[in-house]
Amino acid sequence: MNKREEEKLLRQKAKLEKEMLRLKEMSVYEEEYGMYQHICGIDEAGRGPLAGPVVAGAVILPKDAVILYLNDSKKLSEKKREALYDEIMEKAVSAGVGIVSPERIDKINILQATYEAMRAAVASLKVKPDLLLNDAVTIPDTEIKQVPVIKGDAKSISIAAASIIAKVTRDRIMAEYDLAMPGYGFGKHKGYGTKAHIESLKRLGPCPIHRRTFIRNFV
């Protein structure tokens, strides 16, 4: 092995050690509540957009799970999220999603719709969790013990995993809507209130997946 190869290996080793330390720091809640067998992370995607559903993810990871570069979905590229989505689905004890439609959001409001999506995500799990680690919220009408974690998607590997499942699932849904309802650019902005989205909304008018209670200021 020449000097350049040796230096490359040392850099790779240092990078891996740094990443393992970061993951350990993101596992403090999983370690603190380690007496629970099945700890489930919960997070949502799509509370703020003008269009599309709100989607919640629920993920139970194995106690010994190591998923490198697992992080808050907002801190990851689309390519990285897609790769991590596959790894999470492969390694998880169980993973589930809950999807609540724009019509339902308009009827019961986005907060209640988010809770509904989270309850549906938990209900879809094949293994019943003993503890829920939630990103910032306490879910009403849930019997399972809950621990709300502020900015949990950056502090817990379970919540981070759930954030990726929710985000990738919702992005895929919006990509399908983009094909079915061209002109709005759903594949790019995913329904969020970007300048281009608002302009197309004013030009074309609302479509079936727009949240009527969210677009009052624009149409």
C-alpha atoms as a PDB file:
ATOM      1  CA  MET A   1       0.000   0.000   0.000  1.00  0.00           C
ATOM      2  CA  ASN A   2       1.434   3.355  -1.008  1.00  0.00           C
ATOM      3  CA  LYS A   3       1.223   6.543   1.058  1.00  0.00           C
ATOM      4  CA  ARG A   4      -1.705   7.978  -0.910  1.00  0.00           C
ATOM      5  CA  GLU A   5      -3.799   4.830  -0.411  1.00  0.00           C
ATOM      6  CA  GLU A   6      -2.907   4.758   3.261  1.00  0.00           C
ATOM      7  CA  GLU A   7      -3.977   8.385   3.709  1.00  0.00           C
ATOM      8  CA  LYS A   8      -7.237   7.663   1.885  1.00  0.00           C
ATOM      9  CA  LEU A   9      -7.989   4.746   4.221  1.00  0.00           C
ATOM     10  CA  LEU A  10      -7.252   6.904   7.256  1.00  0.00           C
ATOM     11  CA  ARG A  11      -9.633   9.602   5.991  1.00  0.00           C
ATOM     12  CA  GLN A  12     -12.352   7.012   5.380  1.00  0.00           C
ATOM     13  CA  LYS A  13     -11.825   5.568   8.861  1.00  0.00           C
ATOM     14  CA  ALA A  14     -12.006   9.029  10.454  1.00  0.00           C
ATOM     15  CA  LYS A  15     -15.171   9.823   8.485  1.00  0.00           C
ATOM     16  CA  LEU A  16     -16.809   6.569   9.598  1.00  0.00           C
ATOM     17  CA  GLU A  17     -15.857   7.142  13.229  1.00  0.00           C
ATOM     18  CA  LYS A  18     -17.341  10.653  13.069  1.00  0.00           C
ATOM     19  CA  GLU A  19     -20.562   9.313  11.548  1.00  0.00           C
ATOM     20  CA  MET A  20     -20.858   6.535  14.176  1.00  0.00           C
ATOM     21  CA  LEU A  21     -20.426   9.151  16.914  1.00  0.00           C
ATOM     22  CA  ARG A  22     -23.155  11.310  15.333  1.00  0.00           C
ATOM     23  CA  LEU A  23     -25.529   8.339  15.202  1.00  0.00           C
ATOM     24  CA  LYS A  24     -24.777   7.548  18.845  1.00  0.00           C
ATOM     25  CA  GLU A  25     -25.691  11.129  19.766  1.00  0.00           C
ATOM     26  CA  MET A  26     -28.935  10.680  17.802  1.00  0.00           C
ATOM     27  CA  SER A  27     -29.743   7.542  19.798  1.00  0.00           C
ATOM     28  CA  VAL A  28     -29.953   9.116  23.264  1.00  0.00           C
ATOM     29  CA  TYR A  29     -33.742   8.781  23.437  1.00  0.00           C
ATOM     30  CA  GLU A  30     -33.621   5.208  22.174  1.00  0.00           C
ATOM     31  CA  GLU A  31     -31.044   4.442  24.886  1.00  0.00           C
ATOM     32  CA  GLU A  32     -32.923   6.344  27.598  1.00  0.00           C
ATOM     33  CA  TYR A  33     -36.075   4.346  26.892  1.00  0.00           C
ATOM     34  CA  GLY A  34     -34.212   1.136  26.144  1.00  0.00           C
ATOM     35  CA  MET A  35     -36.413  -0.810  28.556  1.00  0.00           C
ATOM     36  CA  TYR A  36     -39.130  -0.687  25.885  1.00  0.00           C
ATOM     37  CA  GLN A  37     -38.887  -3.455  23.302  1.00  0.00           C
ATOM     38  CA  HIS A  38     -40.477  -1.712  20.319  1.00  0.00           C
ATOM     39  CA  ILE A  39     -39.787   2.022  20.130  1.00  0.00           C
ATOM     40  CA  CYS A  40     -41.595   3.752  17.276  1.00  0.00           C
ATOM     41  CA  GLY A  41     -40.509   7.052  15.757  1.00  0.00           C
ATOM     42  CA  ILE A  42     -43.246   9.233  14.243  1.00  0.00           C
ATOM     43  CA  ASP A  43     -43.021  12.256  11.957  1.00  0.00           C
ATOM     44  CA  GLU A  44     -45.019  13.927   9.218  1.00  0.00           C
ATOM     45  CA  ALA A  45     -44.495  15.580   5.847  1.00  0.00           C
ATOM     46  CA  GLY A  46     -46.756  18.128   4.222  1.00  0.00           C
ATOM     47  CA  ARG A  47     -48.297  20.280   6.943  1.00  0.00           C
ATOM     48  CA  GLY A  48     -47.486  23.521   5.140  1.00  0.00           C
ATOM     49  CA  PRO A  49     -48.201  22.994   1.406  1.00  0.00           C
ATOM     50  CA  LEU A  50     -51.115  24.532  -0.466  1.00  0.00           C
ATOM     51  CA  ALA A  51     -51.897  21.213  -2.155  1.00  0.00           C
ATOM     52  CA  GLY A  52     -51.717  17.490  -1.595  1.00  0.00           C
ATOM     53  CA  PRO A  53     -52.113  15.236   1.432  1.00  0.00           C
ATOM     54  CA  VAL A  54     -50.380  15.270   4.776  1.00  0.00           C
ATOM     55  CA  VAL A  55     -48.417  12.047   5.274  1.00  0.00           C
ATOM     56  CA  ALA A  56     -47.138  10.539   8.504  1.00  0.00           C
ATOM     57  CA  GLY A  57     -44.461   7.889   8.876  1.00  0.00           C
ATOM     58  CA  ALA A  58     -44.058   5.430  11.756  1.00  0.00           C
ATOM     59  CA  VAL A  59     -40.902   3.330  12.056  1.00  0.00           C
ATOM     60  CA  ILE A  60     -39.719   0.733  14.563  1.00  0.00           C
ATOM     61  CA  LEU A  61     -36.001   0.101  14.159  1.00  0.00           C
ATOM     62  CA  PRO A  62     -34.150  -2.918  15.591  1.00  0.00           C
ATOM     63  CA  LYS A  63     -32.177  -2.218  18.762  1.00  0.00           C
ATOM     64  CA  ASP A  64     -28.898  -2.831  16.929  1.00  0.00           C
ATOM     65  CA  ALA A  65     -29.814  -0.925  13.757  1.00  0.00           C
ATOM     66  CA  VAL A  66     -26.974   0.941  12.043  1.00  0.00           C
ATOM     67  CA  ILE A  67     -28.104   3.092   9.129  1.00  0.00           C
ATOM     68  CA  LEU A  68     -25.292   5.406   8.102  1.00  0.00           C
ATOM     69  CA  TYR A  69     -26.147   9.056   7.348  1.00  0.00           C
ATOM     70  CA  LEU A  70     -29.669   8.681   8.742  1.00  0.00           C
ATOM     71  CA  ASN A  71     -30.838  12.231   9.445  1.00  0.00           C
ATOM     72  CA  ASP A  72     -33.724  14.682   9.352  1.00  0.00           C
ATOM     73  CA  SER A  73     -35.174  14.313   5.845  1.00  0.00           C
ATOM     74  CA  LYS A  74     -34.936  18.076   5.252  1.00  0.00           C
ATOM     75  CA  LYS A  75     -31.146  17.885   5.597  1.00  0.00           C
ATOM     76  CA  LEU A  76     -30.798  15.218   2.912  1.00  0.00           C
ATOM     77  CA  SER A  77     -30.803  15.345  -0.873  1.00  0.00           C
ATOM     78  CA  GLU A  78     -33.610  13.628  -2.752  1.00  0.00           C
ATOM     79  CA  LYS A  79     -31.187  10.954  -3.962  1.00  0.00           C
ATOM     80  CA  LYS A  80     -29.964  10.285  -0.416  1.00  0.00           C
ATOM     81  CA  ARG A  81     -33.526  10.133   0.939  1.00  0.00           C
ATOM     82  CA  GLU A  82     -34.502   7.577  -1.700  1.00  0.00           C
ATOM     83  CA  ALA A  83     -31.496   5.384  -0.836  1.00  0.00           C
ATOM     84  CA  LEU A  84     -32.168   5.645   2.889  1.00  0.00           C
ATOM     85  CA  TYR A  85     -35.866   4.916   2.335  1.00  0.00           C
ATOM     86  CA  ASP A  86     -34.959   1.546   0.820  1.00  0.00           C
ATOM     87  CA  GLU A  87     -32.517   0.747   3.627  1.00  0.00           C
ATOM     88  CA  ILE A  88     -35.003   1.716   6.338  1.00  0.00           C
ATOM     89  CA  MET A  89     -37.757  -0.405   4.782  1.00  0.00           C
ATOM     90  CA  GLU A  90     -35.324  -3.314   4.548  1.00  0.00           C
ATOM     91  CA  LYS A  91     -34.009  -3.088   8.115  1.00  0.00           C
ATOM     92  CA  ALA A  92     -37.047  -1.881  10.075  1.00  0.00           C
ATOM     93  CA  VAL A  93     -38.925  -4.221  12.386  1.00  0.00           C
ATOM     94  CA  SER A  94     -41.987  -2.514  10.945  1.00  0.00           C
ATOM     95  CA  ALA A  95     -42.777   0.681   9.055  1.00  0.00           C
ATOM     96  CA  GLY A  96     -46.112   2.285   8.263  1.00  0.00           C
ATOM     97  CA  VAL A  97     -47.639   5.378   6.707  1.00  0.00           C
ATOM     98  CA  GLY A  98     -50.822   7.335   7.220  1.00  0.00           C
ATOM     99  CA  ILE A  99     -52.231   9.598   4.489  1.00  0.00           C
ATOM    100  CA  VAL A 100     -54.936  12.232   4.962  1.00  0.00           C
ATOM    101  CA  SER A 101     -56.458  13.905   1.916  1.00  0.00           C
ATOM    102  CA  PRO A 102     -56.739  17.639   1.136  1.00  0.00           C
ATOM    103  CA  GLU A 103     -60.527  17.388   1.510  1.00  0.00           C
ATOM    104  CA  ARG A 104     -60.145  15.968   4.999  1.00  0.00           C
ATOM    105  CA  ILE A 105     -57.589  18.661   5.880  1.00  0.00           C
ATOM    106  CA  ASP A 106     -60.107  21.345   4.845  1.00  0.00           C
ATOM    107  CA  LYS A 107     -62.813  19.682   6.922  1.00  0.00           C
ATOM    108  CA  ILE A 108     -60.983  19.118  10.236  1.00  0.00           C
ATOM    109  CA  ASN A 109     -57.945  21.485   9.938  1.00  0.00           C
ATOM    110  CA  ILE A 110     -54.302  20.594   9.362  1.00  0.00           C
ATOM    111  CA  LEU A 111     -53.395  19.881  12.994  1.00  0.00           C
ATOM    112  CA  GLN A 112     -56.207  17.370  13.464  1.00  0.00           C
ATOM    113  CA  ALA A 113     -55.430  15.886  10.048  1.00  0.00           C
ATOM    114  CA  THR A 114     -51.789  15.462  11.101  1.00  0.00           C
ATOM    115  CA  TYR A 115     -52.855  13.621  14.258  1.00  0.00           C
ATOM    116  CA  GLU A 116     -55.169  11.448  12.157  1.00  0.00           C
ATOM    117  CA  ALA A 117     -52.336  10.597   9.762  1.00  0.00           C
ATOM    118  CA  MET A 118     -50.069   9.720  12.699  1.00  0.00           C
ATOM    119  CA  ARG A 119     -52.666   7.436  14.275  1.00  0.00           C
ATOM    120  CA  ALA A 120     -53.196   5.750  10.897  1.00  0.00           C
ATOM    121  CA  ALA A 121     -49.435   5.254  10.483  1.00  0.00           C
ATOM    122  CA  VAL A 122     -49.189   3.566  13.885  1.00  0.00           C
ATOM    123  CA  ALA A 123     -52.272   1.436  13.167  1.00  0.00           C
ATOM    124  CA  SER A 124     -50.675   0.210   9.915  1.00  0.00           C
ATOM    125  CA  LEU A 125     -47.624  -1.219  11.711  1.00  0.00           C
ATOM    126  CA  LYS A 126     -47.363  -5.006  11.761  1.00  0.00           C
ATOM    127  CA  VAL A 127     -45.811  -4.869  15.242  1.00  0.00           C
ATOM    128  CA  LYS A 128     -47.497  -2.892  18.015  1.00  0.00           C
ATOM    129  CA  PRO A 129     -45.105  -0.340  19.532  1.00  0.00           C
ATOM    130  CA  ASP A 130     -44.510  -0.045  23.279  1.00  0.00           C
ATOM    131  CA  LEU A 131     -43.439   3.594  23.073  1.00  0.00           C
ATOM    132  CA  LEU A 132     -43.912   6.436  20.605  1.00  0.00           C
ATOM    133  CA  LEU A 133     -41.203   9.029  20.033  1.00  0.00           C
ATOM    134  CA  ASN A 134     -42.997  11.894  18.285  1.00  0.00           C
ATOM    135  CA  ASP A 135     -41.562  14.908  16.529  1.00  0.00           C
ATOM    136  CA  ALA A 136     -42.718  17.714  18.859  1.00  0.00           C
ATOM    137  CA  VAL A 137     -46.370  16.672  19.282  1.00  0.00           C
ATOM    138  CA  THR A 138     -48.510  14.588  21.629  1.00  0.00           C
ATOM    139  CA  ILE A 139     -51.066  12.608  19.631  1.00  0.00           C
ATOM    140  CA  PRO A 140     -54.596  12.668  21.095  1.00  0.00           C
ATOM    141  CA  ASP A 141     -56.676   9.506  21.480  1.00  0.00           C
ATOM    142  CA  THR A 142     -53.634   7.243  21.630  1.00  0.00           C
ATOM    143  CA  GLU A 143     -53.230   4.695  24.420  1.00  0.00           C
ATOM    144  CA  ILE A 144     -49.540   3.975  23.785  1.00  0.00           C
ATOM    145  CA  LYS A 145     -47.054   5.876  25.953  1.00  0.00           C
ATOM    146  CA  GLN A 146     -45.683   8.918  24.093  1.00  0.00           C
ATOM    147  CA  VAL A 147     -42.620  11.118  24.363  1.00  0.00           C
ATOM    148  CA  PRO A 148     -42.722  14.353  22.319  1.00  0.00           C
ATOM    149  CA  VAL A 149     -39.233  15.437  21.219  1.00  0.00           C
ATOM    150  CA  ILE A 150     -38.712  19.022  20.039  1.00  0.00           C
ATOM    151  CA  LYS A 151     -36.901  18.928  16.664  1.00  0.00           C
ATOM    152  CA  GLY A 152     -36.965  15.179  17.088  1.00  0.00           C
ATOM    153  CA  ASP A 153     -36.112  14.423  13.456  1.00  0.00           C
ATOM    154  CA  ALA A 154     -32.604  15.772  14.185  1.00  0.00           C
ATOM    155  CA  LYS A 155     -32.298  14.191  17.652  1.00  0.00           C
ATOM    156  CA  SER A 156     -33.647  10.644  17.284  1.00  0.00           C
ATOM    157  CA  ILE A 157     -32.777   7.980  14.740  1.00  0.00           C
ATOM    158  CA  SER A 158     -36.316   6.561  14.986  1.00  0.00           C
ATOM    159  CA  ILE A 159     -37.971   9.917  14.281  1.00  0.00           C
ATOM    160  CA  ALA A 160     -35.434  10.663  11.525  1.00  0.00           C
ATOM    161  CA  ALA A 161     -36.303   7.342   9.882  1.00  0.00           C
ATOM    162  CA  ALA A 162     -40.012   8.185  10.107  1.00  0.00           C
ATOM    163  CA  SER A 163     -39.379  11.621   8.587  1.00  0.00           C
ATOM    164  CA  ILE A 164     -37.695  10.001   5.573  1.00  0.00           C
ATOM    165  CA  ILE A 165     -40.502   7.478   5.080  1.00  0.00           C
ATOM    166  CA  ALA A 166     -43.104  10.268   5.270  1.00  0.00           C
ATOM    167  CA  LYS A 167     -41.204  12.649   3.001  1.00  0.00           C
ATOM    168  CA  VAL A 168     -40.361  10.105   0.276  1.00  0.00           C
ATOM    169  CA  THR A 169     -43.901   8.704   0.295  1.00  0.00           C
ATOM    170  CA  ARG A 170     -45.414  12.172  -0.066  1.00  0.00           C
ATOM    171  CA  ASP A 171     -42.937  13.248  -2.765  1.00  0.00           C
ATOM    172  CA  ARG A 172     -43.843  10.165  -4.796  1.00  0.00           C
ATOM    173  CA  ILE A 173     -47.552  10.950  -4.446  1.00  0.00           C
ATOM    174  CA  MET A 174     -46.973  14.518  -5.618  1.00  0.00           C
ATOM    175  CA  ALA A 175     -44.930  13.279  -8.593  1.00  0.00           C
ATOM    176  CA  GLU A 176     -47.924  11.152  -9.625  1.00  0.00           C
ATOM    177  CA  TYR A 177     -50.243  14.152  -9.262  1.00  0.00           C
ATOM    178  CA  ASP A 178     -47.863  16.121 -11.473  1.00  0.00           C
ATOM    179  CA  LEU A 179     -48.467  13.619 -14.264  1.00  0.00           C
ATOM    180  CA  ALA A 180     -52.238  13.606 -13.719  1.00  0.00           C
ATOM    181  CA  MET A 181     -52.562  17.383 -13.339  1.00  0.00           C
ATOM    182  CA  PRO A 182     -49.839  19.042 -15.418  1.00  0.00           C
ATOM    183  CA  GLY A 183     -49.236  22.756 -15.369  1.00  0.00           C
ATOM    184  CA  TYR A 184     -48.924  23.302 -11.638  1.00  0.00           C
ATOM    185  CA  GLY A 185     -45.417  21.887 -11.223  1.00  0.00           C
ATOM    186  CA  PHE A 186     -46.282  19.527  -8.369  1.00  0.00           C
ATOM    187  CA  GLY A 187     -43.285  17.357  -9.210  1.00  0.00           C
ATOM    188  CA  LYS A 188     -40.937  20.254  -8.435  1.00  0.00           C
ATOM    189  CA  HIS A 189     -42.430  22.167  -5.516  1.00  0.00           C
ATOM    190  CA  LYS A 190     -44.474  19.274  -4.066  1.00  0.00           C
ATOM    191  CA  GLY A 191     -47.415  21.584  -3.448  1.00  0.00           C
ATOM    192  CA  TYR A 192     -45.586  24.164  -1.352  1.00  0.00           C
ATOM    193  CA  GLY A 193     -46.367  27.841  -1.890  1.00  0.00           C
ATOM    194  CA  THR A 194     -43.501  28.769  -4.183  1.00  0.00           C
ATOM    195  CA  LYS A 195     -43.737  31.770  -6.479  1.00  0.00           C
ATOM    196  CA  ALA A 196     -44.132  29.490  -9.509  1.00  0.00           C
ATOM    197  CA  HIS A 197     -46.899  27.496  -7.794  1.00  0.00           C
ATOM    198  CA  ILE A 198     -48.843  30.602  -6.782  1.00  0.00           C
ATOM    199  CA  GLU A 199     -48.541  32.022 -10.295  1.00  0.00           C
ATOM    200  CA  SER A 200     -49.850  28.797 -11.851  1.00  0.00           C
ATOM    201  CA  LEU A 201     -52.622  28.658  -9.256  1.00  0.00           C
ATOM    202  CA  LYS A 202     -53.767  32.181 -10.192  1.00  0.00           C
ATOM    203  CA  ARG A 203     -53.482  31.400 -13.908  1.00  0.00           C
ATOM    204  CA  LEU A 204     -55.162  27.977 -13.947  1.00  0.00           C
ATOM    205  CA  GLY A 205     -57.323  28.162 -10.842  1.00  0.00           C
ATOM    206  CA  PRO A 206     -57.409  25.461  -8.141  1.00  0.00           C
ATOM    207  CA  CYS A 207     -57.359  21.776  -8.985  1.00  0.00           C
ATOM    208  CA  PRO A 208     -58.888  18.897  -6.977  1.00  0.00           C
ATOM    209  CA  ILE A 209     -55.870  18.473  -4.669  1.00  0.00           C
ATOM    210  CA  HIS A 210     -55.593  22.110  -3.594  1.00  0.00           C
ATOM    211  CA  ARG A 211     -56.472  22.771   0.038  1.00  0.00           C
ATOM    212  CA  ARG A 212     -59.280  25.307  -0.170  1.00  0.00           C
ATOM    213  CA  THR A 213     -58.614  26.629   3.342  1.00  0.00           C
ATOM    214  CA  PHE A 214     -54.962  27.258   2.390  1.00  0.00           C
ATOM    215  CA  ILE A 215     -55.428  29.114  -0.892  1.00  0.00           C
ATOM    216  CA  ARG A 216     -57.984  31.777   0.096  1.00  0.00           C
ATOM    217  CA  ASN A 217     -55.395  34.519  -0.173  1.00  0.00           C
ATOM    218  CA  PHE A 218     -54.507  33.586  -3.734  1.00  0.00           C
ATOM    219  CA  VAL A 219     -57.775  32.780  -5.514  1.00  0.00           C
END
